[in-house]
Amino acid sequence: MKVFRSIILFILILSVSESLCQSTEKVEKADQSTEKVDKADQSTEKVEMADVLRQDGKIYTVVFGLVVILTAMIILLIRVDRKVFRLEKEMKKDK
């Protein structure tokens, strides 16, 4: 079971990092081609990165990665809670 989790985690990290690297390269190329902008226009550049992710379909990879990570964390918390509850129950029986 631990091997399965490790493999899934490795694949997830690999896919998310690959998609982020590709989108980062595109954003860097776009930054090099544009002129310097003042601080008021910098806020729109952040939105451009999100637009690039949406146009390339990479935003779905990021969202999928976040959903998988959050789901895994919730499942882990539920399992730990059940184990703690079981241990507390056993300790009460021993007294």
N, C-alpha and C. Protein backbone atom coordinates (compact mmCIF):
# COMPACT_ATOMS: atom_id res chain seq x y z
N MET A 1 0.82 -1.19 0.00
CA MET A 1 0.00 0.00 0.00
C MET A 1 0.87 1.26 0.00
N LYS A 2 1.98 1.23 0.76
CA LYS A 2 2.86 2.39 0.80
C LYS A 2 3.53 2.60 -0.55
N VAL A 3 3.84 1.52 -1.23
CA VAL A 3 4.46 1.64 -2.55
C VAL A 3 3.49 2.27 -3.52
N PHE A 4 2.24 1.87 -3.45
CA PHE A 4 1.20 2.41 -4.32
C PHE A 4 1.06 3.91 -4.08
N ARG A 5 1.03 4.33 -2.82
CA ARG A 5 0.93 5.76 -2.50
C ARG A 5 2.13 6.52 -3.04
N SER A 6 3.30 5.95 -2.88
CA SER A 6 4.52 6.62 -3.35
C SER A 6 4.50 6.79 -4.86
N ILE A 7 4.04 5.78 -5.56
CA ILE A 7 3.98 5.86 -7.02
C ILE A 7 2.98 6.91 -7.45
N ILE A 8 1.81 6.93 -6.84
CA ILE A 8 0.78 7.92 -7.17
C ILE A 8 1.30 9.32 -6.89
N LEU A 9 1.93 9.52 -5.75
CA LEU A 9 2.46 10.83 -5.38
C LEU A 9 3.54 11.27 -6.37
N PHE A 10 4.42 10.37 -6.76
CA PHE A 10 5.47 10.68 -7.72
C PHE A 10 4.89 11.10 -9.06
N ILE A 11 3.90 10.37 -9.54
CA ILE A 11 3.27 10.70 -10.82
C ILE A 11 2.58 12.05 -10.74
N LEU A 12 1.90 12.31 -9.64
CA LEU A 12 1.21 13.59 -9.47
C LEU A 12 2.20 14.75 -9.46
N ILE A 13 3.25 14.62 -8.70
CA ILE A 13 4.25 15.69 -8.62
C ILE A 13 4.90 15.89 -9.98
N LEU A 14 5.20 14.82 -10.67
CA LEU A 14 5.83 14.92 -11.98
C LEU A 14 4.93 15.64 -12.98
N SER A 15 3.66 15.29 -13.01
CA SER A 15 2.75 15.91 -13.97
C SER A 15 2.51 17.38 -13.66
N VAL A 16 2.35 17.71 -12.39
CA VAL A 16 2.12 19.10 -12.02
C VAL A 16 3.36 19.94 -12.29
N SER A 17 4.53 19.43 -11.93
CA SER A 17 5.75 20.21 -12.15
C SER A 17 6.04 20.40 -13.63
N GLU A 18 5.75 19.39 -14.44
CA GLU A 18 5.96 19.51 -15.88
C GLU A 18 5.07 20.59 -16.48
N SER A 19 3.81 20.59 -16.09
CA SER A 19 2.89 21.59 -16.63
C SER A 19 3.24 22.99 -16.16
N LEU A 20 3.69 23.11 -14.91
CA LEU A 20 4.08 24.43 -14.41
C LEU A 20 5.34 24.93 -15.09
N CYS A 21 6.28 24.04 -15.38
CA CYS A 21 7.51 24.45 -16.07
C CYS A 21 7.20 24.95 -17.47
N GLN A 22 6.31 24.27 -18.15
CA GLN A 22 5.95 24.69 -19.50
C GLN A 22 5.27 26.06 -19.49
N SER A 23 4.37 26.27 -18.55
CA SER A 23 3.68 27.55 -18.50
C SER A 23 4.62 28.66 -18.04
N THR A 24 5.59 28.34 -17.17
CA THR A 24 6.55 29.33 -16.72
C THR A 24 7.43 29.78 -17.88
N GLU A 25 7.83 28.86 -18.74
CA GLU A 25 8.64 29.21 -19.90
C GLU A 25 7.89 30.16 -20.83
N LYS A 26 6.61 29.90 -21.03
CA LYS A 26 5.81 30.77 -21.89
C LYS A 26 5.66 32.16 -21.28
N VAL A 27 5.46 32.22 -19.97
CA VAL A 27 5.33 33.50 -19.30
C VAL A 27 6.63 34.27 -19.37
N GLU A 28 7.77 33.58 -19.20
CA GLU A 28 9.07 34.25 -19.28
C GLU A 28 9.31 34.81 -20.68
N LYS A 29 8.93 34.08 -21.70
CA LYS A 29 9.08 34.58 -23.07
C LYS A 29 8.20 35.80 -23.28
N ALA A 30 7.00 35.76 -22.74
CA ALA A 30 6.10 36.90 -22.88
C ALA A 30 6.63 38.11 -22.13
N ASP A 31 7.23 37.88 -20.96
CA ASP A 31 7.80 38.98 -20.18
C ASP A 31 8.97 39.62 -20.91
N GLN A 32 9.78 38.83 -21.60
CA GLN A 32 10.93 39.37 -22.30
C GLN A 32 10.51 40.23 -23.48
N SER A 33 9.40 39.89 -24.10
CA SER A 33 8.97 40.63 -25.29
C SER A 33 8.21 41.90 -24.94
N THR A 34 7.71 42.03 -23.74
CA THR A 34 6.96 43.23 -23.37
C THR A 34 7.89 44.27 -22.77
N GLU A 35 7.45 45.51 -22.82
CA GLU A 35 8.22 46.58 -22.21
C GLU A 35 8.00 46.58 -20.71
N LYS A 36 8.87 47.31 -20.02
CA LYS A 36 8.70 47.44 -18.58
C LYS A 36 7.44 48.27 -18.31
N VAL A 37 6.71 47.84 -17.31
CA VAL A 37 5.47 48.53 -16.97
C VAL A 37 5.56 49.06 -15.55
N ASP A 38 4.72 50.01 -15.25
CA ASP A 38 4.75 50.55 -13.90
C ASP A 38 4.00 49.64 -12.94
N LYS A 39 4.00 49.99 -11.68
CA LYS A 39 3.44 49.11 -10.64
C LYS A 39 1.95 48.88 -10.82
N ALA A 40 1.25 49.83 -11.36
CA ALA A 40 -0.20 49.67 -11.56
C ALA A 40 -0.49 48.57 -12.58
N ASP A 41 0.37 48.42 -13.58
CA ASP A 41 0.15 47.42 -14.61
C ASP A 41 0.67 46.04 -14.21
N GLN A 42 1.45 45.94 -13.17
CA GLN A 42 1.98 44.64 -12.76
C GLN A 42 0.88 43.71 -12.27
N SER A 43 -0.18 44.26 -11.73
CA SER A 43 -1.27 43.40 -11.27
C SER A 43 -1.94 42.69 -12.43
N THR A 44 -1.96 43.32 -13.60
CA THR A 44 -2.57 42.66 -14.76
C THR A 44 -1.67 41.56 -15.31
N GLU A 45 -0.35 41.65 -15.09
CA GLU A 45 0.55 40.60 -15.55
C GLU A 45 0.26 39.30 -14.81
N LYS A 46 -0.08 39.38 -13.55
CA LYS A 46 -0.40 38.18 -12.79
C LYS A 46 -1.62 37.50 -13.38
N VAL A 47 -2.57 38.27 -13.83
CA VAL A 47 -3.76 37.71 -14.44
C VAL A 47 -3.41 37.08 -15.79
N GLU A 48 -2.43 37.66 -16.49
CA GLU A 48 -2.03 37.10 -17.78
C GLU A 48 -1.52 35.68 -17.61
N MET A 49 -0.81 35.41 -16.52
CA MET A 49 -0.32 34.06 -16.29
C MET A 49 -1.49 33.09 -16.15
N ALA A 50 -2.52 33.52 -15.43
CA ALA A 50 -3.70 32.67 -15.29
C ALA A 50 -4.38 32.48 -16.64
N ASP A 51 -4.40 33.53 -17.45
CA ASP A 51 -4.99 33.41 -18.78
C ASP A 51 -4.20 32.43 -19.65
N VAL A 52 -2.88 32.48 -19.52
CA VAL A 52 -2.04 31.54 -20.29
C VAL A 52 -2.34 30.11 -19.86
N LEU A 53 -2.47 29.90 -18.55
CA LEU A 53 -2.78 28.55 -18.07
C LEU A 53 -4.14 28.09 -18.59
N ARG A 54 -5.11 29.00 -18.61
CA ARG A 54 -6.44 28.63 -19.10
C ARG A 54 -6.42 28.34 -20.59
N GLN A 55 -5.69 29.15 -21.35
CA GLN A 55 -5.64 28.94 -22.80
C GLN A 55 -4.99 27.62 -23.16
N ASP A 56 -3.96 27.26 -22.44
CA ASP A 56 -3.25 26.02 -22.74
C ASP A 56 -3.91 24.80 -22.12
N GLY A 57 -4.91 25.01 -21.28
CA GLY A 57 -5.57 23.90 -20.62
C GLY A 57 -4.79 23.37 -19.44
N LYS A 58 -3.75 24.07 -19.03
CA LYS A 58 -2.91 23.62 -17.91
C LYS A 58 -3.57 23.92 -16.57
N ILE A 59 -4.51 24.83 -16.56
CA ILE A 59 -5.17 25.18 -15.29
C ILE A 59 -5.91 23.95 -14.74
N TYR A 60 -6.40 23.10 -15.62
CA TYR A 60 -7.09 21.90 -15.17
C TYR A 60 -6.13 20.94 -14.49
N THR A 61 -4.90 20.89 -14.95
CA THR A 61 -3.89 20.05 -14.31
C THR A 61 -3.60 20.56 -12.90
N VAL A 62 -3.49 21.87 -12.78
CA VAL A 62 -3.23 22.46 -11.46
C VAL A 62 -4.39 22.21 -10.52
N VAL A 63 -5.59 22.44 -11.01
CA VAL A 63 -6.79 22.22 -10.18
C VAL A 63 -6.88 20.74 -9.80
N PHE A 64 -6.63 19.85 -10.74
CA PHE A 64 -6.67 18.42 -10.44
C PHE A 64 -5.64 18.06 -9.37
N GLY A 65 -4.45 18.61 -9.49
CA GLY A 65 -3.41 18.35 -8.50
C GLY A 65 -3.83 18.82 -7.11
N LEU A 66 -4.41 20.01 -7.04
CA LEU A 66 -4.87 20.53 -5.75
C LEU A 66 -5.99 19.68 -5.17
N VAL A 67 -6.90 19.25 -6.01
CA VAL A 67 -8.01 18.42 -5.54
C VAL A 67 -7.48 17.09 -5.01
N VAL A 68 -6.54 16.49 -5.71
CA VAL A 68 -5.98 15.21 -5.26
C VAL A 68 -5.26 15.39 -3.93
N ILE A 69 -4.48 16.45 -3.81
CA ILE A 69 -3.75 16.68 -2.56
C ILE A 69 -4.70 16.93 -1.40
N LEU A 70 -5.70 17.77 -1.61
CA LEU A 70 -6.67 18.05 -0.54
C LEU A 70 -7.47 16.80 -0.17
N THR A 71 -7.85 16.02 -1.17
CA THR A 71 -8.59 14.79 -0.89
C THR A 71 -7.73 13.82 -0.09
N ALA A 72 -6.47 13.70 -0.46
CA ALA A 72 -5.57 12.81 0.28
C ALA A 72 -5.40 13.28 1.72
N MET A 73 -5.30 14.58 1.91
CA MET A 73 -5.16 15.11 3.28
C MET A 73 -6.41 14.83 4.11
N ILE A 74 -7.58 14.99 3.52
CA ILE A 74 -8.82 14.74 4.24
C ILE A 74 -8.94 13.26 4.60
N ILE A 75 -8.62 12.39 3.65
CA ILE A 75 -8.67 10.95 3.92
C ILE A 75 -7.69 10.58 5.02
N LEU A 76 -6.49 11.15 4.97
CA LEU A 76 -5.50 10.88 6.00
C LEU A 76 -5.99 11.33 7.38
N LEU A 77 -6.58 12.51 7.44
CA LEU A 77 -7.10 13.00 8.72
C LEU A 77 -8.22 12.11 9.26
N ILE A 78 -9.09 11.65 8.39
CA ILE A 78 -10.18 10.78 8.82
C ILE A 78 -9.62 9.46 9.35
N ARG A 79 -8.64 8.90 8.65
CA ARG A 79 -8.04 7.63 9.10
C ARG A 79 -7.34 7.79 10.44
N VAL A 80 -6.60 8.88 10.62
CA VAL A 80 -5.91 9.10 11.88
C VAL A 80 -6.93 9.31 13.01
N ASP A 81 -8.00 10.02 12.72
CA ASP A 81 -9.03 10.24 13.73
C ASP A 81 -9.65 8.92 14.16
N ARG A 82 -9.92 8.04 13.21
CA ARG A 82 -10.50 6.73 13.55
C ARG A 82 -9.54 5.91 14.41
N LYS A 83 -8.25 5.95 14.08
CA LYS A 83 -7.27 5.20 14.86
C LYS A 83 -7.16 5.74 16.28
N VAL A 84 -7.16 7.06 16.41
CA VAL A 84 -7.09 7.67 17.74
C VAL A 84 -8.34 7.31 18.54
N PHE A 85 -9.50 7.36 17.91
CA PHE A 85 -10.74 7.00 18.59
C PHE A 85 -10.70 5.55 19.05
N ARG A 86 -10.18 4.66 18.19
CA ARG A 86 -10.08 3.25 18.55
C ARG A 86 -9.12 3.06 19.73
N LEU A 87 -8.00 3.76 19.73
CA LEU A 87 -7.04 3.65 20.83
C LEU A 87 -7.62 4.20 22.14
N GLU A 88 -8.35 5.30 22.04
CA GLU A 88 -8.99 5.85 23.24
C GLU A 88 -10.00 4.87 23.81
N LYS A 89 -10.72 4.23 22.94
CA LYS A 89 -11.72 3.25 23.36
C LYS A 89 -11.06 2.06 24.06
N GLU A 90 -9.93 1.60 23.50
CA GLU A 90 -9.20 0.51 24.11
C GLU A 90 -8.63 0.88 25.48
N MET A 91 -8.17 2.10 25.60
CA MET A 91 -7.62 2.56 26.87
C MET A 91 -8.70 2.64 27.94
N LYS A 92 -9.90 3.03 27.56
CA LYS A 92 -11.01 3.08 28.52
C LYS A 92 -11.39 1.67 28.97
N LYS A 93 -11.30 0.70 28.07
CA LYS A 93 -11.63 -0.68 28.44
C LYS A 93 -10.60 -1.24 29.41
N ASP A 94 -9.33 -0.86 29.26
CA ASP A 94 -8.28 -1.35 30.12
C ASP A 94 -8.40 -0.83 31.55
N LYS A 95 -8.96 0.33 31.72
CA LYS A 95 -9.11 0.90 33.07
C LYS A 95 -10.20 0.19 33.78
